[in-house]
């Protein structure tokens, strides 16, 4: 299993994307992505989105970097 964590720093909070995948020579066996918001002051984590569609965590991380908080408006 491979776990990749991407942290996108913001002014008031950070967006943390945790992607877990397991692959063999034929392809992807398991994929899970969790999108968390971490408060800067308290360090509290809040789960915003969980998905099992391969590659969606990377796409969401790219959108948050490009659009900022507006990319998360659809999840609230």
N, C-alpha and C. Protein backbone atom coordinates (compact mmCIF):
# COMPACT_ATOMS: atom_id res chain seq x y z
N UNK A 1 0.84 -1.18 0.00
CA UNK A 1 0.00 0.00 0.00
C UNK A 1 0.88 1.23 0.00
N UNK A 2 0.47 2.19 -0.74
CA UNK A 2 1.20 3.45 -0.84
C UNK A 2 0.28 4.57 -0.39
N UNK A 3 0.75 5.42 0.50
CA UNK A 3 -0.02 6.55 0.99
C UNK A 3 0.71 7.83 0.64
N UNK A 4 0.00 8.76 0.01
CA UNK A 4 0.57 10.04 -0.38
C UNK A 4 -0.24 11.14 0.29
N UNK A 5 0.44 12.04 0.99
CA UNK A 5 -0.23 13.15 1.67
C UNK A 5 0.19 14.45 1.02
N UNK A 6 -0.80 15.25 0.63
CA UNK A 6 -0.56 16.56 0.04
C UNK A 6 -1.17 17.61 0.95
N UNK A 7 -0.38 18.60 1.37
CA UNK A 7 -0.86 19.67 2.23
C UNK A 7 -0.80 20.98 1.45
N UNK A 8 -1.94 21.66 1.40
CA UNK A 8 -2.03 22.94 0.72
C UNK A 8 -2.28 23.99 1.79
N UNK A 9 -1.31 24.87 1.96
CA UNK A 9 -1.37 25.85 3.03
C UNK A 9 -2.22 27.04 2.61
N UNK A 10 -3.05 27.49 3.56
CA UNK A 10 -3.88 28.67 3.36
C UNK A 10 -3.67 29.65 4.49
N UNK A 11 -4.40 30.75 4.49
CA UNK A 11 -4.25 31.74 5.55
C UNK A 11 -4.89 31.30 6.85
N UNK A 12 -6.14 30.85 6.80
CA UNK A 12 -6.86 30.47 8.01
C UNK A 12 -6.84 28.96 8.26
N UNK A 13 -6.73 28.17 7.20
CA UNK A 13 -6.72 26.71 7.36
C UNK A 13 -5.91 26.08 6.26
N UNK A 14 -5.55 24.82 6.46
CA UNK A 14 -4.82 24.04 5.48
C UNK A 14 -5.74 22.96 4.94
N UNK A 15 -5.56 22.60 3.69
CA UNK A 15 -6.30 21.49 3.08
C UNK A 15 -5.33 20.33 2.96
N UNK A 16 -5.71 19.19 3.54
CA UNK A 16 -4.87 18.00 3.53
C UNK A 16 -5.58 16.93 2.70
N UNK A 17 -4.88 16.42 1.68
CA UNK A 17 -5.43 15.36 0.83
C UNK A 17 -4.58 14.11 1.07
N UNK A 18 -5.22 13.04 1.55
CA UNK A 18 -4.53 11.78 1.82
C UNK A 18 -5.04 10.76 0.80
N UNK A 19 -4.12 10.27 -0.03
CA UNK A 19 -4.46 9.28 -1.05
C UNK A 19 -3.79 7.96 -0.70
N UNK A 20 -4.56 6.89 -0.66
CA UNK A 20 -4.05 5.56 -0.39
C UNK A 20 -4.38 4.67 -1.57
N UNK A 21 -3.38 3.98 -2.09
CA UNK A 21 -3.64 3.09 -3.22
C UNK A 21 -2.79 1.84 -3.11
N UNK A 22 -3.28 0.79 -3.73
CA UNK A 22 -2.57 -0.47 -3.79
C UNK A 22 -2.66 -0.97 -5.23
N UNK A 23 -1.50 -1.29 -5.82
CA UNK A 23 -1.46 -1.70 -7.22
C UNK A 23 -0.68 -3.00 -7.37
N UNK A 24 -0.99 -3.72 -8.43
CA UNK A 24 -0.17 -4.85 -8.83
C UNK A 24 0.19 -4.64 -10.30
N UNK A 25 0.76 -5.66 -10.93
CA UNK A 25 1.18 -5.49 -12.32
C UNK A 25 0.01 -5.31 -13.30
N UNK A 26 -1.19 -5.71 -12.91
CA UNK A 26 -2.35 -5.54 -13.78
C UNK A 26 -3.02 -4.18 -13.66
N UNK A 27 -2.87 -3.50 -12.51
CA UNK A 27 -3.49 -2.19 -12.33
C UNK A 27 -3.82 -1.89 -10.89
N UNK A 28 -4.75 -0.97 -10.70
CA UNK A 28 -5.12 -0.50 -9.37
C UNK A 28 -6.09 -1.49 -8.73
N UNK A 29 -5.75 -1.95 -7.53
CA UNK A 29 -6.63 -2.85 -6.78
C UNK A 29 -7.50 -2.08 -5.80
N UNK A 30 -6.92 -1.03 -5.20
CA UNK A 30 -7.61 -0.27 -4.17
C UNK A 30 -7.18 1.18 -4.25
N UNK A 31 -8.13 2.10 -4.12
CA UNK A 31 -7.83 3.53 -4.09
C UNK A 31 -8.82 4.21 -3.15
N UNK A 32 -8.31 5.09 -2.32
CA UNK A 32 -9.15 5.87 -1.43
C UNK A 32 -8.50 7.23 -1.23
N UNK A 33 -9.30 8.28 -1.28
CA UNK A 33 -8.79 9.63 -1.05
C UNK A 33 -9.69 10.31 -0.02
N UNK A 34 -9.06 11.01 0.90
CA UNK A 34 -9.77 11.77 1.92
C UNK A 34 -9.29 13.21 1.86
N UNK A 35 -10.23 14.14 1.88
CA UNK A 35 -9.91 15.56 1.89
C UNK A 35 -10.29 16.10 3.26
N UNK A 36 -9.32 16.65 3.96
CA UNK A 36 -9.51 17.15 5.32
C UNK A 36 -9.17 18.63 5.37
N UNK A 37 -9.86 19.37 6.22
CA UNK A 37 -9.52 20.76 6.50
C UNK A 37 -8.94 20.81 7.90
N UNK A 38 -7.73 21.36 8.02
CA UNK A 38 -7.06 21.48 9.31
C UNK A 38 -7.03 22.95 9.72
N UNK A 39 -7.64 23.25 10.86
CA UNK A 39 -7.64 24.62 11.38
C UNK A 39 -6.24 25.00 11.82
N UNK A 40 -5.83 26.22 11.52
CA UNK A 40 -4.48 26.67 11.88
C UNK A 40 -4.30 26.82 13.38
N UNK A 41 -5.28 27.42 14.06
CA UNK A 41 -5.13 27.72 15.49
C UNK A 41 -5.21 26.47 16.35
N UNK A 42 -6.20 25.63 16.10
CA UNK A 42 -6.43 24.49 16.97
C UNK A 42 -5.82 23.19 16.46
N UNK A 43 -5.60 23.09 15.17
CA UNK A 43 -5.08 21.85 14.60
C UNK A 43 -6.15 20.79 14.41
N UNK A 44 -7.42 21.17 14.61
CA UNK A 44 -8.53 20.22 14.47
C UNK A 44 -8.74 19.87 13.00
N UNK A 45 -8.96 18.59 12.74
CA UNK A 45 -9.21 18.11 11.39
C UNK A 45 -10.69 17.86 11.18
N UNK A 46 -11.19 18.24 10.00
CA UNK A 46 -12.60 17.99 9.65
C UNK A 46 -12.63 17.35 8.27
N UNK A 47 -13.27 16.19 8.17
CA UNK A 47 -13.39 15.48 6.90
C UNK A 47 -14.39 16.19 6.01
N UNK A 48 -13.95 16.56 4.81
CA UNK A 48 -14.82 17.28 3.87
C UNK A 48 -15.33 16.33 2.80
N UNK A 49 -14.46 15.44 2.32
CA UNK A 49 -14.83 14.57 1.21
C UNK A 49 -14.04 13.27 1.28
N UNK A 50 -14.70 12.18 0.94
CA UNK A 50 -14.04 10.88 0.82
C UNK A 50 -14.48 10.28 -0.52
N UNK A 51 -13.54 9.77 -1.27
CA UNK A 51 -13.87 9.24 -2.59
C UNK A 51 -13.02 8.00 -2.88
N UNK A 52 -13.53 7.19 -3.80
CA UNK A 52 -12.82 5.99 -4.23
C UNK A 52 -12.55 6.00 -5.72
N UNK A 53 -12.78 7.12 -6.38
CA UNK A 53 -12.53 7.25 -7.81
C UNK A 53 -11.03 7.54 -8.01
N UNK A 54 -10.30 6.65 -8.70
CA UNK A 54 -8.86 6.84 -8.86
C UNK A 54 -8.49 8.18 -9.50
N UNK A 55 -7.53 8.87 -8.87
CA UNK A 55 -7.03 10.13 -9.40
C UNK A 55 -7.80 11.36 -8.97
N UNK A 56 -8.94 11.19 -8.31
CA UNK A 56 -9.76 12.35 -7.96
C UNK A 56 -9.13 13.19 -6.85
N UNK A 57 -8.35 12.60 -5.97
CA UNK A 57 -7.67 13.36 -4.93
C UNK A 57 -6.65 14.31 -5.52
N UNK A 58 -5.91 13.85 -6.51
CA UNK A 58 -4.92 14.69 -7.17
C UNK A 58 -5.58 15.84 -7.92
N UNK A 59 -6.71 15.57 -8.57
CA UNK A 59 -7.44 16.61 -9.29
C UNK A 59 -7.97 17.66 -8.33
N UNK A 60 -8.52 17.22 -7.20
CA UNK A 60 -9.04 18.17 -6.22
C UNK A 60 -7.93 19.01 -5.62
N UNK A 61 -6.78 18.40 -5.34
CA UNK A 61 -5.64 19.16 -4.81
C UNK A 61 -5.19 20.23 -5.80
N UNK A 62 -5.15 19.89 -7.07
CA UNK A 62 -4.78 20.86 -8.10
C UNK A 62 -5.79 22.00 -8.19
N UNK A 63 -7.09 21.68 -8.08
CA UNK A 63 -8.13 22.70 -8.13
C UNK A 63 -8.05 23.64 -6.93
N UNK A 64 -7.76 23.10 -5.75
CA UNK A 64 -7.65 23.94 -4.56
C UNK A 64 -6.44 24.87 -4.68
N UNK A 65 -5.34 24.37 -5.24
CA UNK A 65 -4.18 25.22 -5.44
C UNK A 65 -4.47 26.33 -6.44
N UNK A 66 -5.25 26.01 -7.45
CA UNK A 66 -5.55 26.99 -8.50
C UNK A 66 -6.66 27.96 -8.10
N UNK A 67 -7.75 27.45 -7.51
CA UNK A 67 -8.92 28.28 -7.22
C UNK A 67 -9.02 28.70 -5.76
N UNK A 68 -8.30 28.05 -4.88
CA UNK A 68 -8.37 28.37 -3.46
C UNK A 68 -9.62 27.79 -2.83
N UNK A 69 -10.20 28.53 -1.90
CA UNK A 69 -11.35 28.06 -1.13
C UNK A 69 -12.57 27.83 -2.01
N UNK A 70 -12.67 28.52 -3.10
CA UNK A 70 -13.82 28.37 -4.01
C UNK A 70 -13.99 26.94 -4.52
N UNK A 71 -12.91 26.19 -4.60
CA UNK A 71 -13.00 24.81 -5.06
C UNK A 71 -13.73 23.92 -4.06
N UNK A 72 -13.75 24.31 -2.78
CA UNK A 72 -14.41 23.52 -1.75
C UNK A 72 -15.85 23.93 -1.50
N UNK A 73 -16.33 24.97 -2.15
CA UNK A 73 -17.70 25.45 -1.94
C UNK A 73 -18.76 24.39 -2.28
N UNK A 74 -18.47 23.54 -3.24
CA UNK A 74 -19.44 22.52 -3.64
C UNK A 74 -19.60 21.43 -2.57
N UNK A 75 -18.64 21.28 -1.67
CA UNK A 75 -18.68 20.22 -0.67
C UNK A 75 -19.34 20.64 0.62
N UNK A 76 -19.62 21.89 0.82
CA UNK A 76 -20.18 22.36 2.09
C UNK A 76 -21.65 22.24 2.14
